[in-house]
Amino acid sequence: MKKKDVFFVIWIIMFSPVVLTGVVLKNVRLAYLFGYNLAMEILKGF
């Protein structure tokens, strides 16, 4: 697996609960921004 593929899988796993939380709180934009920032932090780790 390429690092990009690994990153994508991790991103999906970590982003899913964030999206669900955002939908519950009806604040999808905040959830998206949080997930994006989290993804950027993970990407820096590679």
C-alpha atoms as a PDB file:
ATOM      1  CA  MET A   1       0.000   0.000   0.000  1.00  0.00           C
ATOM      2  CA  LYS A   2       1.111   3.505  -0.768  1.00  0.00           C
ATOM      3  CA  LYS A   3       1.296   6.083   1.994  1.00  0.00           C
ATOM      4  CA  LYS A   4      -1.502   7.980   0.262  1.00  0.00           C
ATOM      5  CA  ASP A   5      -3.781   4.913   0.466  1.00  0.00           C
ATOM      6  CA  VAL A   6      -2.977   4.430   4.143  1.00  0.00           C
ATOM      7  CA  PHE A   7      -3.684   8.109   4.803  1.00  0.00           C
ATOM      8  CA  PHE A   8      -7.025   7.839   2.983  1.00  0.00           C
ATOM      9  CA  VAL A   9      -8.114   4.811   5.051  1.00  0.00           C
ATOM     10  CA  ILE A  10      -7.101   6.485   8.322  1.00  0.00           C
ATOM     11  CA  TRP A  11      -8.866   9.675   7.233  1.00  0.00           C
ATOM     12  CA  ILE A  12     -12.124   7.814   6.524  1.00  0.00           C
ATOM     13  CA  ILE A  13     -11.970   5.960   9.855  1.00  0.00           C
ATOM     14  CA  MET A  14     -11.295   9.127  11.840  1.00  0.00           C
ATOM     15  CA  PHE A  15     -13.562  11.397   9.807  1.00  0.00           C
ATOM     16  CA  SER A  16     -16.695   9.189  10.010  1.00  0.00           C
ATOM     17  CA  PRO A  17     -17.381   9.773  13.749  1.00  0.00           C
ATOM     18  CA  VAL A  18     -16.736  13.489  13.242  1.00  0.00           C
ATOM     19  CA  VAL A  19     -19.334  13.636  10.463  1.00  0.00           C
ATOM     20  CA  LEU A  20     -21.862  11.697  12.557  1.00  0.00           C
ATOM     21  CA  THR A  21     -21.278  14.034  15.499  1.00  0.00           C
ATOM     22  CA  GLY A  22     -21.671  17.038  13.210  1.00  0.00           C
ATOM     23  CA  VAL A  23     -24.947  15.711  11.818  1.00  0.00           C
ATOM     24  CA  VAL A  24     -26.267  15.090  15.334  1.00  0.00           C
ATOM     25  CA  LEU A  25     -25.247  18.594  16.394  1.00  0.00           C
ATOM     26  CA  LYS A  26     -26.420  19.983  13.029  1.00  0.00           C
ATOM     27  CA  ASN A  27     -23.085  21.687  12.689  1.00  0.00           C
ATOM     28  CA  VAL A  28     -21.614  19.932   9.664  1.00  0.00           C
ATOM     29  CA  ARG A  29     -19.369  22.856   8.716  1.00  0.00           C
ATOM     30  CA  LEU A  30     -17.595  22.790  12.068  1.00  0.00           C
ATOM     31  CA  ALA A  31     -17.294  19.002  11.876  1.00  0.00           C
ATOM     32  CA  TYR A  32     -15.843  19.290   8.368  1.00  0.00           C
ATOM     33  CA  LEU A  33     -13.280  21.883   9.428  1.00  0.00           C
ATOM     34  CA  PHE A  34     -12.316  19.783  12.443  1.00  0.00           C
ATOM     35  CA  GLY A  35     -11.962  16.687  10.280  1.00  0.00           C
ATOM     36  CA  TYR A  36      -9.917  18.588   7.714  1.00  0.00           C
ATOM     37  CA  ASN A  37      -7.544  19.949  10.364  1.00  0.00           C
ATOM     38  CA  LEU A  38      -7.239  16.462  11.864  1.00  0.00           C
ATOM     39  CA  ALA A  39      -6.454  15.037   8.431  1.00  0.00           C
ATOM     40  CA  MET A  40      -3.761  17.682   7.886  1.00  0.00           C
ATOM     41  CA  GLU A  41      -2.140  16.750  11.214  1.00  0.00           C
ATOM     42  CA  ILE A  42      -2.144  13.065  10.218  1.00  0.00           C
ATOM     43  CA  LEU A  43      -0.668  13.964   6.823  1.00  0.00           C
ATOM     44  CA  LYS A  44       2.186  15.830   8.530  1.00  0.00           C
ATOM     45  CA  GLY A  45       2.952  12.615  10.416  1.00  0.00           C
ATOM     46  CA  PHE A  46       3.808  10.793   7.185  1.00  0.00           C
END
